[in-house]
């Protein structure tokens, strides 16, 4: 290796802290099957290398095999000679370090050659179908390795929907950001057969941060490298939020792991660290009064529901829900779809009809709504529990969302509400409110006629943060 190459290698090495360098050395030695102190006989150092077989043996359980092969092809693409000769089948230490440096510490420009080789081993443009296969492998590997390393923070593959559909849905959503040189965005079958050159993929990786984040997770958790050291990349720390309130309740959430990751990435940063189940129609009953009693004054929330046709969709409420006949919330609210497609729809600036919750009013609509206007919401759950609508002709005015349900007027199959971030202090000190707390007139009426409050002793305690 020439002096210039040595300088380049040292530059890459210098990106890592001393303890990170030591960690990388240890992993390379473990994969290559030699100890870090091994020196050859006759005073000559042994050249340690990594083969595909050695990498597969090391990664057999943490990562699916197809992702291990892609990582190997990426490592192999690092050209140490500066000549585009046929790459060696053996990965040298320098290649390994530069690979780690580019993917974990580099910019889109530094990552792109490696990612191109991970998508396809042949030079030149790649087809949309190859990018789709790479993206699906990448997302599936993130779910697999986080589950294997027990890093799903209270979520697991048993208490969430099957991730296979979520992997495809998230891959489709990320691929929808692919643009051709002229700025056109191909879709569907056209996208699959279209050729994309290196500059188009580089632009995509630059604009879609999930790709770099997922690669970082796959490398750190797959190779088990730099995983225990302080992590400067905050988006990895909050990639999956901590899950509270579902343990031991026999519930399968309407969310799958890929949709949790995607929806969480759109929340305000200070709310991404924790989700807590507040309400589930399967646990708490199909009752609008129960719904209100569980979600009012609990801070920002995610509402997710499934209609009888199997469509799954919902919205993020940026403020505590309050029962009142006025719109509430702010422009951080959004609507989303989880199935049959995964997408987030943010505010348009057209109006401020972000969120609405009303109950037992004669003159105003009673129910929970987000976006649009009275009787024409982007998302509406009627107080006559079980009925709802998603009206958008052609789009919801507040969020630019399409019709989220299969039919404009839908029948509700299941509903969940998750508080995100830390509970407001007032909630933690006052305990849980019932619908009678929300409606003091109803409480006074009961007391006047001498009825005791049967539900008084049935309030669910606020769950301990450490329940999972």
Protein backbone atom coordinates (compact mmCIF):
# COMPACT_ATOMS: atom_id res chain seq x y z
CA UNK A 1 0.00 0.00 0.00
CA UNK A 2 1.45 3.36 -1.05
CA UNK A 3 1.98 6.38 1.16
CA UNK A 4 -1.12 8.18 -0.17
CA UNK A 5 -3.20 5.11 0.58
CA UNK A 6 -1.74 4.94 4.08
CA UNK A 7 -2.69 8.57 4.64
CA UNK A 8 -6.25 7.94 3.43
CA UNK A 9 -6.52 4.92 5.74
CA UNK A 10 -5.19 6.95 8.68
CA UNK A 11 -7.71 9.69 7.93
CA UNK A 12 -10.53 7.16 8.07
CA UNK A 13 -9.14 5.64 11.25
CA UNK A 14 -8.93 9.06 12.89
CA UNK A 15 -12.72 9.45 12.66
CA UNK A 16 -13.06 6.91 15.43
CA UNK A 17 -12.27 7.53 19.10
CA UNK A 18 -9.50 5.31 20.52
CA UNK A 19 -12.03 3.04 22.26
CA UNK A 20 -14.02 2.81 19.00
CA UNK A 21 -10.85 1.83 17.09
CA UNK A 22 -10.21 -0.86 19.69
CA UNK A 23 -13.79 -2.14 19.31
CA UNK A 24 -13.45 -2.30 15.49
CA UNK A 25 -10.09 -4.09 15.79
CA UNK A 26 -11.65 -6.67 18.09
CA UNK A 27 -14.54 -7.39 15.73
CA UNK A 28 -12.22 -7.69 12.71
CA UNK A 29 -9.98 -10.09 14.63
CA UNK A 30 -12.98 -12.15 15.73
CA UNK A 31 -14.31 -12.45 12.17
CA UNK A 32 -10.91 -13.19 10.63
CA UNK A 33 -10.39 -15.87 13.27
CA UNK A 34 -7.09 -14.53 14.59
CA UNK A 35 -6.13 -12.79 17.80
CA UNK A 36 -5.09 -9.16 17.78
CA UNK A 37 -1.60 -9.97 19.04
CA UNK A 38 -0.77 -12.64 16.51
CA UNK A 39 2.54 -12.11 14.79
CA UNK A 40 3.91 -14.53 12.29
CA UNK A 41 6.98 -16.58 12.69
CA UNK A 42 10.24 -15.32 11.20
CA UNK A 43 9.34 -11.78 12.26
CA UNK A 44 6.77 -11.29 9.51
CA UNK A 45 3.26 -10.02 10.39
CA UNK A 46 0.36 -12.17 9.29
CA UNK A 47 -1.97 -10.41 6.89
CA UNK A 48 -5.39 -10.90 8.40
CA UNK A 49 -8.37 -10.97 6.02
CA UNK A 50 -12.10 -11.70 6.13
CA UNK A 51 -13.79 -14.05 3.66
CA UNK A 52 -17.50 -14.28 2.86
CA UNK A 53 -17.64 -17.62 4.66
CA UNK A 54 -16.06 -16.13 7.79
CA UNK A 55 -18.50 -13.19 7.75
CA UNK A 56 -21.46 -15.54 7.27
CA UNK A 57 -20.32 -17.70 10.18
CA UNK A 58 -20.02 -14.62 12.41
CA UNK A 59 -23.40 -13.15 11.35
CA UNK A 60 -25.45 -16.33 11.03
CA UNK A 61 -27.94 -15.49 13.79
CA UNK A 62 -27.95 -11.67 14.04
CA UNK A 63 -28.66 -10.95 10.34
CA UNK A 64 -30.50 -12.62 7.44
CA UNK A 65 -27.99 -14.18 5.03
CA UNK A 66 -28.86 -11.94 2.09
CA UNK A 67 -27.90 -8.85 4.12
CA UNK A 68 -24.58 -10.44 5.16
CA UNK A 69 -23.80 -10.98 1.45
CA UNK A 70 -24.71 -7.34 0.72
CA UNK A 71 -22.39 -6.11 3.51
CA UNK A 72 -19.59 -8.30 2.14
CA UNK A 73 -20.10 -6.87 -1.37
CA UNK A 74 -19.96 -3.38 0.12
CA UNK A 75 -16.68 -4.13 1.90
CA UNK A 76 -15.28 -5.67 -1.26
CA UNK A 77 -16.07 -2.50 -3.22
CA UNK A 78 -13.50 -0.47 -1.26
CA UNK A 79 -10.66 0.00 -3.76
CA UNK A 80 -7.31 0.30 -1.98
CA UNK A 81 -5.18 0.37 -5.15
CA UNK A 82 -6.91 3.14 -7.05
CA UNK A 83 -7.16 0.80 -10.04
CA UNK A 84 -10.51 -0.64 -11.01
CA UNK A 85 -9.17 -4.17 -11.19
CA UNK A 86 -11.28 -7.18 -10.19
CA UNK A 87 -11.80 -6.84 -6.41
CA UNK A 88 -10.21 -9.47 -4.18
CA UNK A 89 -12.44 -12.04 -2.54
CA UNK A 90 -10.60 -11.36 0.75
CA UNK A 91 -11.46 -8.28 2.78
CA UNK A 92 -8.33 -6.57 4.16
CA UNK A 93 -8.32 -4.71 7.48
CA UNK A 94 -8.00 -1.38 5.63
CA UNK A 95 -11.10 -2.13 3.56
CA UNK A 96 -13.03 -3.08 6.68
CA UNK A 97 -12.11 0.16 8.49
CA UNK A 98 -12.87 2.39 5.46
CA UNK A 99 -16.22 0.59 5.01
CA UNK A 100 -17.10 1.28 8.67
CA UNK A 101 -15.88 4.88 8.42
CA UNK A 102 -17.88 5.69 5.27
CA UNK A 103 -21.15 4.08 6.37
CA UNK A 104 -21.09 5.09 10.04
CA UNK A 105 -19.38 8.50 9.84
CA UNK A 106 -19.52 9.52 6.18
CA UNK A 107 -21.81 11.74 4.12
CA UNK A 108 -24.04 10.61 1.24
CA UNK A 109 -21.17 11.05 -1.23
CA UNK A 110 -18.91 8.71 0.77
CA UNK A 111 -21.62 6.10 1.26
CA UNK A 112 -22.88 5.96 -2.28
CA UNK A 113 -20.31 3.67 -3.97
CA UNK A 114 -20.70 1.12 -1.17
CA UNK A 115 -24.50 1.28 -1.31
CA UNK A 116 -24.44 0.86 -5.12
CA UNK A 117 -22.42 -2.35 -4.68
CA UNK A 118 -24.77 -3.51 -1.92
CA UNK A 119 -27.67 -3.03 -4.34
CA UNK A 120 -25.92 -4.70 -7.31
CA UNK A 121 -22.48 -6.24 -7.81
CA UNK A 122 -22.32 -5.06 -11.42
CA UNK A 123 -21.15 -1.59 -12.43
CA UNK A 124 -23.52 0.98 -13.87
CA UNK A 125 -27.14 2.01 -13.23
CA UNK A 126 -29.44 -0.17 -11.14
CA UNK A 127 -33.10 -1.00 -11.74
CA UNK A 128 -35.89 0.13 -9.43
CA UNK A 129 -36.64 -3.52 -8.62
CA UNK A 130 -33.06 -4.01 -7.35
CA UNK A 131 -33.37 -0.92 -5.13
CA UNK A 132 -36.68 -2.26 -3.81
CA UNK A 133 -35.10 -5.64 -2.95
CA UNK A 134 -32.19 -3.89 -1.19
CA UNK A 135 -34.56 -1.63 0.79
CA UNK A 136 -36.79 -4.53 1.86
CA UNK A 137 -33.72 -6.55 2.92
CA UNK A 138 -32.44 -3.54 4.88
CA UNK A 139 -35.72 -2.96 6.77
CA UNK A 140 -36.22 -6.68 7.42
CA UNK A 141 -32.65 -6.85 8.79
CA UNK A 142 -33.30 -3.93 11.16
CA UNK A 143 -36.38 -5.68 12.59
CA UNK A 144 -34.53 -9.02 12.78
CA UNK A 145 -31.37 -7.74 14.46
CA UNK A 146 -33.20 -5.49 16.97
CA UNK A 147 -35.37 -8.45 17.92
CA UNK A 148 -32.31 -10.75 18.14
CA UNK A 149 -30.38 -8.27 20.33
CA UNK A 150 -33.48 -7.64 22.48
CA UNK A 151 -33.41 -3.94 21.56
CA UNK A 152 -37.12 -3.50 20.78
CA UNK A 153 -37.71 -1.80 24.17
CA UNK A 154 -40.88 -3.58 25.26
CA UNK A 155 -42.24 -4.21 21.77
CA UNK A 156 -41.81 -7.70 20.31
CA UNK A 157 -42.93 -9.74 17.33
CA UNK A 158 -45.77 -11.25 19.41
CA UNK A 159 -47.42 -8.02 20.61
CA UNK A 160 -47.34 -6.28 17.20
CA UNK A 161 -48.79 -7.05 13.77
CA UNK A 162 -46.77 -9.29 11.46
CA UNK A 163 -43.83 -7.24 10.20
CA UNK A 164 -43.69 -8.77 6.71
CA UNK A 165 -46.40 -6.46 5.35
CA UNK A 166 -44.89 -3.51 7.21
CA UNK A 167 -41.47 -4.16 5.62
CA UNK A 168 -42.99 -3.97 2.13
CA UNK A 169 -45.11 -0.91 3.02
CA UNK A 170 -42.14 1.01 4.46
CA UNK A 171 -39.91 0.05 1.50
CA UNK A 172 -42.59 1.36 -0.90
CA UNK A 173 -42.87 4.59 1.06
CA UNK A 174 -39.08 5.17 1.02
CA UNK A 175 -38.88 4.27 -2.69
CA UNK A 176 -41.54 6.87 -3.46
CA UNK A 177 -38.80 9.45 -2.78
CA UNK A 178 -36.66 8.22 -5.70
CA UNK A 179 -36.31 10.86 -8.40
CA UNK A 180 -34.90 10.74 -11.94
CA UNK A 181 -32.38 13.31 -13.17
CA UNK A 182 -35.21 15.45 -14.57
CA UNK A 183 -36.96 15.49 -11.18
CA UNK A 184 -39.70 13.04 -12.25
CA UNK A 185 -40.90 10.50 -9.68
CA UNK A 186 -41.79 7.17 -11.34
CA UNK A 187 -44.31 4.93 -9.57
CA UNK A 188 -45.55 1.34 -9.64
CA UNK A 189 -44.43 -0.98 -12.46
CA UNK A 190 -42.72 1.95 -14.19
CA UNK A 191 -40.46 2.42 -11.13
CA UNK A 192 -39.48 -1.28 -11.06
CA UNK A 193 -38.11 -1.26 -14.61
CA UNK A 194 -36.56 2.22 -14.55
CA UNK A 195 -32.75 2.60 -14.44
CA UNK A 196 -31.24 4.83 -11.72
CA UNK A 197 -27.65 6.01 -11.89
CA UNK A 198 -25.31 6.68 -9.00
CA UNK A 199 -26.25 10.38 -8.73
CA UNK A 200 -29.98 9.50 -8.41
CA UNK A 201 -29.24 7.01 -5.62
CA UNK A 202 -26.94 9.50 -3.89
CA UNK A 203 -29.70 12.14 -3.99
CA UNK A 204 -32.13 9.58 -2.55
CA UNK A 205 -29.82 8.58 0.32
CA UNK A 206 -29.21 12.27 1.06
CA UNK A 207 -32.94 13.10 1.18
CA UNK A 208 -34.16 9.92 2.95
CA UNK A 209 -32.25 9.71 6.25
CA UNK A 210 -33.87 6.36 7.12
CA UNK A 211 -31.49 4.56 4.70
CA UNK A 212 -28.33 5.73 6.50
CA UNK A 213 -29.91 5.17 9.92
CA UNK A 214 -30.97 1.62 9.03
CA UNK A 215 -27.51 0.81 7.63
CA UNK A 216 -25.95 2.10 10.84
CA UNK A 217 -28.25 -0.11 12.95
CA UNK A 218 -27.53 -3.18 10.81
CA UNK A 219 -23.76 -2.66 11.11
CA UNK A 220 -23.66 -1.72 14.80
CA UNK A 221 -26.10 -4.37 15.97
CA UNK A 222 -25.27 -7.01 13.34
CA UNK A 223 -21.50 -6.90 13.88
CA UNK A 224 -22.06 -5.91 17.53
CA UNK A 225 -19.62 -3.05 17.08
CA UNK A 226 -19.72 0.41 18.72
CA UNK A 227 -23.05 -0.68 20.23
CA UNK A 228 -22.04 -0.15 23.84
CA UNK A 229 -20.22 3.15 23.34
CA UNK A 230 -21.90 6.55 23.65
CA UNK A 231 -23.85 7.05 20.46
CA UNK A 232 -23.64 10.44 18.82
CA UNK A 233 -26.50 9.66 16.43
CA UNK A 234 -29.67 10.53 18.34
CA UNK A 235 -31.95 9.11 15.65
CA UNK A 236 -30.67 5.61 16.42
CA UNK A 237 -31.31 6.05 20.14
CA UNK A 238 -34.98 6.88 19.45
CA UNK A 239 -35.40 4.69 16.38
CA UNK A 240 -37.81 2.50 18.37
CA UNK A 241 -39.67 4.16 21.25
CA UNK A 242 -39.91 2.43 24.63
CA UNK A 243 -43.26 0.62 24.92
CA UNK A 244 -45.32 0.79 28.12
CA UNK A 245 -48.69 -0.63 29.05
CA UNK A 246 -48.97 -3.66 26.78
CA UNK A 247 -46.93 -6.23 28.70
CA UNK A 248 -48.84 -9.26 29.96
CA UNK A 249 -52.18 -8.10 28.54
CA UNK A 250 -52.40 -10.55 25.65
CA UNK A 251 -52.86 -7.72 23.18
CA UNK A 252 -51.55 -7.55 19.61
CA UNK A 253 -51.19 -3.89 18.61
CA UNK A 254 -52.52 -2.51 15.33
CA UNK A 255 -48.96 -1.32 14.68
CA UNK A 256 -46.10 -3.42 13.24
CA UNK A 257 -42.43 -2.67 13.98
CA UNK A 258 -41.66 -0.89 10.64
CA UNK A 259 -44.72 1.39 11.02
CA UNK A 260 -43.78 2.19 14.63
CA UNK A 261 -40.31 3.23 13.44
CA UNK A 262 -41.71 5.33 10.59
CA UNK A 263 -44.50 7.08 12.53
CA UNK A 264 -42.15 7.70 15.48
CA UNK A 265 -39.64 9.43 13.18
CA UNK A 266 -42.32 12.04 12.34
CA UNK A 267 -43.07 12.92 15.97
CA UNK A 268 -41.45 15.97 17.61
CA UNK A 269 -37.97 14.86 18.81
CA UNK A 270 -38.83 15.31 22.49
CA UNK A 271 -41.69 12.79 22.21
CA UNK A 272 -39.88 9.98 20.38
CA UNK A 273 -38.46 8.12 23.39
CA UNK A 274 -41.61 6.49 24.80
CA UNK A 275 -45.12 5.31 23.87
CA UNK A 276 -47.65 4.29 26.52
CA UNK A 277 -50.92 2.47 25.79
CA UNK A 278 -53.84 4.56 27.11
CA UNK A 279 -56.81 2.89 25.46
CA UNK A 280 -57.58 -0.27 23.51
CA UNK A 281 -61.12 -1.14 22.46
CA UNK A 282 -60.24 -4.79 23.04
CA UNK A 283 -59.13 -4.12 26.63
CA UNK A 284 -61.39 -1.28 27.71
CA UNK A 285 -64.55 -1.97 25.69
CA UNK A 286 -66.25 -0.39 22.71
CA UNK A 287 -67.49 2.76 24.38
CA UNK A 288 -66.96 6.42 23.55
CA UNK A 289 -67.26 7.35 27.23
CA UNK A 290 -64.47 4.88 28.05
CA UNK A 291 -62.37 6.30 25.23
CA UNK A 292 -62.76 9.86 26.55
CA UNK A 293 -62.10 8.78 30.12
CA UNK A 294 -58.80 7.17 29.15
CA UNK A 295 -57.36 9.83 26.82
CA UNK A 296 -58.39 13.26 28.16
CA UNK A 297 -55.55 15.34 29.69
CA UNK A 298 -52.89 12.70 28.97
CA UNK A 299 -50.59 14.79 26.78
CA UNK A 300 -49.79 14.22 23.07
CA UNK A 301 -51.28 10.99 21.70
CA UNK A 302 -51.40 8.73 18.67
CA UNK A 303 -54.84 7.42 17.71
CA UNK A 304 -54.83 4.35 15.46
CA UNK A 305 -57.82 2.38 14.23
CA UNK A 306 -58.81 -0.40 11.86
CA UNK A 307 -62.03 -0.45 9.87
CA UNK A 308 -63.98 -3.61 9.08
CA UNK A 309 -62.32 -3.75 5.64
CA UNK A 310 -58.88 -4.05 7.29
CA UNK A 311 -57.60 -0.54 6.51
CA UNK A 312 -55.42 0.81 9.35
CA UNK A 313 -54.93 4.55 9.82
CA UNK A 314 -54.90 7.29 12.45
CA UNK A 315 -53.53 10.60 13.59
CA UNK A 316 -51.06 12.28 15.94
CA UNK A 317 -52.56 14.81 18.38
CA UNK A 318 -49.88 17.26 19.52
CA UNK A 319 -51.81 18.40 22.63
CA UNK A 320 -53.81 16.75 25.40
CA UNK A 321 -57.32 15.94 24.26
CA UNK A 322 -59.96 18.15 25.89
CA UNK A 323 -63.72 17.72 25.66
CA UNK A 324 -64.96 21.01 24.20
CA UNK A 325 -66.85 22.17 21.11
CA UNK A 326 -63.83 23.91 19.57
CA UNK A 327 -60.89 22.76 17.47
CA UNK A 328 -57.63 22.32 19.38
CA UNK A 329 -53.99 21.33 18.77
CA UNK A 330 -51.36 22.91 16.51
CA UNK A 331 -49.54 22.40 13.21
CA UNK A 332 -47.44 19.51 14.53
CA UNK A 333 -50.53 17.26 14.29
CA UNK A 334 -50.71 14.88 11.33
CA UNK A 335 -52.76 12.04 9.88
CA UNK A 336 -51.27 8.75 8.71
CA UNK A 337 -52.03 5.47 6.99
CA UNK A 338 -50.47 2.13 8.00
CA UNK A 339 -52.32 -0.34 5.75
CA UNK A 340 -52.67 -0.92 2.83
CA UNK A 341 -49.99 1.76 2.43
CA UNK A 342 -47.71 3.55 4.91
CA UNK A 343 -47.70 7.36 4.72
CA UNK A 344 -47.78 10.50 6.87
CA UNK A 345 -49.83 13.58 5.92
CA UNK A 346 -48.82 16.88 7.52
CA UNK A 347 -50.66 20.20 7.79
CA UNK A 348 -51.24 22.37 4.73
CA UNK A 349 -51.71 25.77 6.39
CA UNK A 350 -55.21 25.96 4.85
CA UNK A 351 -56.98 25.98 8.25
CA UNK A 352 -56.34 25.17 11.93
CA UNK A 353 -58.81 22.29 12.30
CA UNK A 354 -56.16 20.01 13.80
CA UNK A 355 -58.10 18.01 16.41
CA UNK A 356 -61.58 17.98 17.92
CA UNK A 357 -63.24 16.07 20.79
CA UNK A 358 -66.79 16.65 21.93
CA UNK A 359 -69.34 14.67 23.93
CA UNK A 360 -72.94 15.14 25.12
CA UNK A 361 -73.53 18.44 23.27
CA UNK A 362 -76.86 19.18 21.63
CA UNK A 363 -75.76 21.71 19.05
CA UNK A 364 -72.30 20.53 17.91
CA UNK A 365 -71.06 17.22 16.43
CA UNK A 366 -70.15 14.67 19.11
CA UNK A 367 -67.10 12.51 18.49
CA UNK A 368 -63.35 12.59 17.90
CA UNK A 369 -62.09 14.21 14.72
CA UNK A 370 -58.93 15.39 13.00
CA UNK A 371 -58.69 17.66 9.95
CA UNK A 372 -61.27 18.96 7.49
CA UNK A 373 -64.43 20.43 8.99
CA UNK A 374 -67.61 19.44 10.86
CA UNK A 375 -69.32 16.47 9.19
CA UNK A 376 -66.42 16.31 6.74
CA UNK A 377 -63.37 15.23 8.75
CA UNK A 378 -60.18 13.63 7.44
CA UNK A 379 -60.62 11.23 10.37
CA UNK A 380 -63.80 10.98 12.47
CA UNK A 381 -64.93 8.53 15.17
CA UNK A 382 -68.55 9.17 16.12
CA UNK A 383 -69.69 9.29 19.74
CA UNK A 384 -72.19 6.65 18.63
CA UNK A 385 -69.25 4.28 18.98
CA UNK A 386 -68.51 2.04 16.03
CA UNK A 387 -69.24 4.53 13.26
CA UNK A 388 -66.80 6.89 11.59
CA UNK A 389 -65.85 8.59 8.35
CA UNK A 390 -62.81 9.73 6.38
CA UNK A 391 -63.93 12.31 3.84
CA UNK A 392 -61.52 13.77 1.33
CA UNK A 393 -62.68 14.87 -2.08
CA UNK A 394 -60.04 14.86 -3.33
CA UNK A 395 -57.95 15.67 -0.22
CA UNK A 396 -58.45 16.68 3.42
CA UNK A 397 -58.03 20.47 3.59
CA UNK A 398 -56.03 20.45 6.85
CA UNK A 399 -53.58 17.62 6.11
CA UNK A 400 -53.78 16.97 2.35
CA UNK A 401 -54.58 13.33 3.16
CA UNK A 402 -56.67 11.12 0.85
CA UNK A 403 -59.58 9.02 2.12
CA UNK A 404 -57.88 6.81 4.74
CA UNK A 405 -60.62 4.20 5.19
CA UNK A 406 -61.76 1.66 2.60
CA UNK A 407 -65.22 3.28 2.46
CA UNK A 408 -65.94 6.94 3.16
CA UNK A 409 -68.32 5.98 5.99
CA UNK A 410 -66.74 3.07 7.82
CA UNK A 411 -67.50 0.69 10.65
CA UNK A 412 -64.85 0.56 13.35
CA UNK A 413 -63.21 -2.80 14.09
CA UNK A 414 -60.55 -1.82 16.68
CA UNK A 415 -59.05 1.35 18.13
CA UNK A 416 -55.94 2.15 20.21
CA UNK A 417 -54.60 5.37 21.70
CA UNK A 418 -50.94 5.72 22.69
CA UNK A 419 -49.58 8.62 24.77
CA UNK A 420 -46.15 9.67 23.45
CA UNK A 421 -43.32 11.19 25.45
CA UNK A 422 -43.59 11.70 29.21
CA UNK A 423 -46.99 12.05 30.84
CA UNK A 424 -47.91 15.60 31.84
CA UNK A 425 -47.13 16.27 35.53
CA UNK A 426 -50.76 17.04 36.30
CA UNK A 427 -51.73 13.51 35.19
CA UNK A 428 -49.09 11.85 37.32
CA UNK A 429 -50.20 13.70 40.44
CA UNK A 430 -53.97 13.57 39.97
CA UNK A 431 -54.30 9.99 38.76
CA UNK A 432 -56.67 8.79 36.08
CA UNK A 433 -59.81 10.75 35.20
CA UNK A 434 -63.11 9.12 34.39
CA UNK A 435 -65.76 10.45 32.04
CA UNK A 436 -67.50 11.85 35.12
CA UNK A 437 -64.42 13.97 35.84
CA UNK A 438 -64.66 15.24 32.28
CA UNK A 439 -68.36 16.03 32.70
CA UNK A 440 -68.91 17.53 36.19
CA UNK A 441 -72.63 18.07 35.44
CA UNK A 442 -73.15 14.31 35.15
CA UNK A 443 -71.30 13.82 38.45
CA UNK A 444 -73.46 16.45 40.22
CA UNK A 445 -76.65 14.91 38.81
CA UNK A 446 -75.72 11.48 40.18
CA UNK A 447 -75.04 12.94 43.61
CA UNK A 448 -78.36 14.84 43.60
CA UNK A 449 -80.36 11.67 43.01
CA UNK A 450 -78.37 9.81 45.65
CA UNK A 451 -76.50 7.47 43.30
CA UNK A 452 -72.98 6.46 44.26
CA UNK A 453 -70.22 6.45 41.66
CA UNK A 454 -69.76 2.76 40.87
CA UNK A 455 -66.61 3.38 38.87
CA UNK A 456 -64.81 5.26 41.63
CA UNK A 457 -62.84 2.24 42.80
CA UNK A 458 -62.21 0.88 39.33
CA UNK A 459 -59.81 3.50 38.04
CA UNK A 460 -56.72 1.97 36.53
CA UNK A 461 -53.56 3.07 38.33
CA UNK A 462 -50.97 4.98 36.36
CA UNK A 463 -48.49 2.31 35.32
CA UNK A 464 -45.02 2.32 36.71
CA UNK A 465 -42.50 3.46 34.11
CA UNK A 466 -40.46 0.34 34.73
CA UNK A 467 -43.23 -2.15 34.02
CA UNK A 468 -41.35 -3.36 30.96
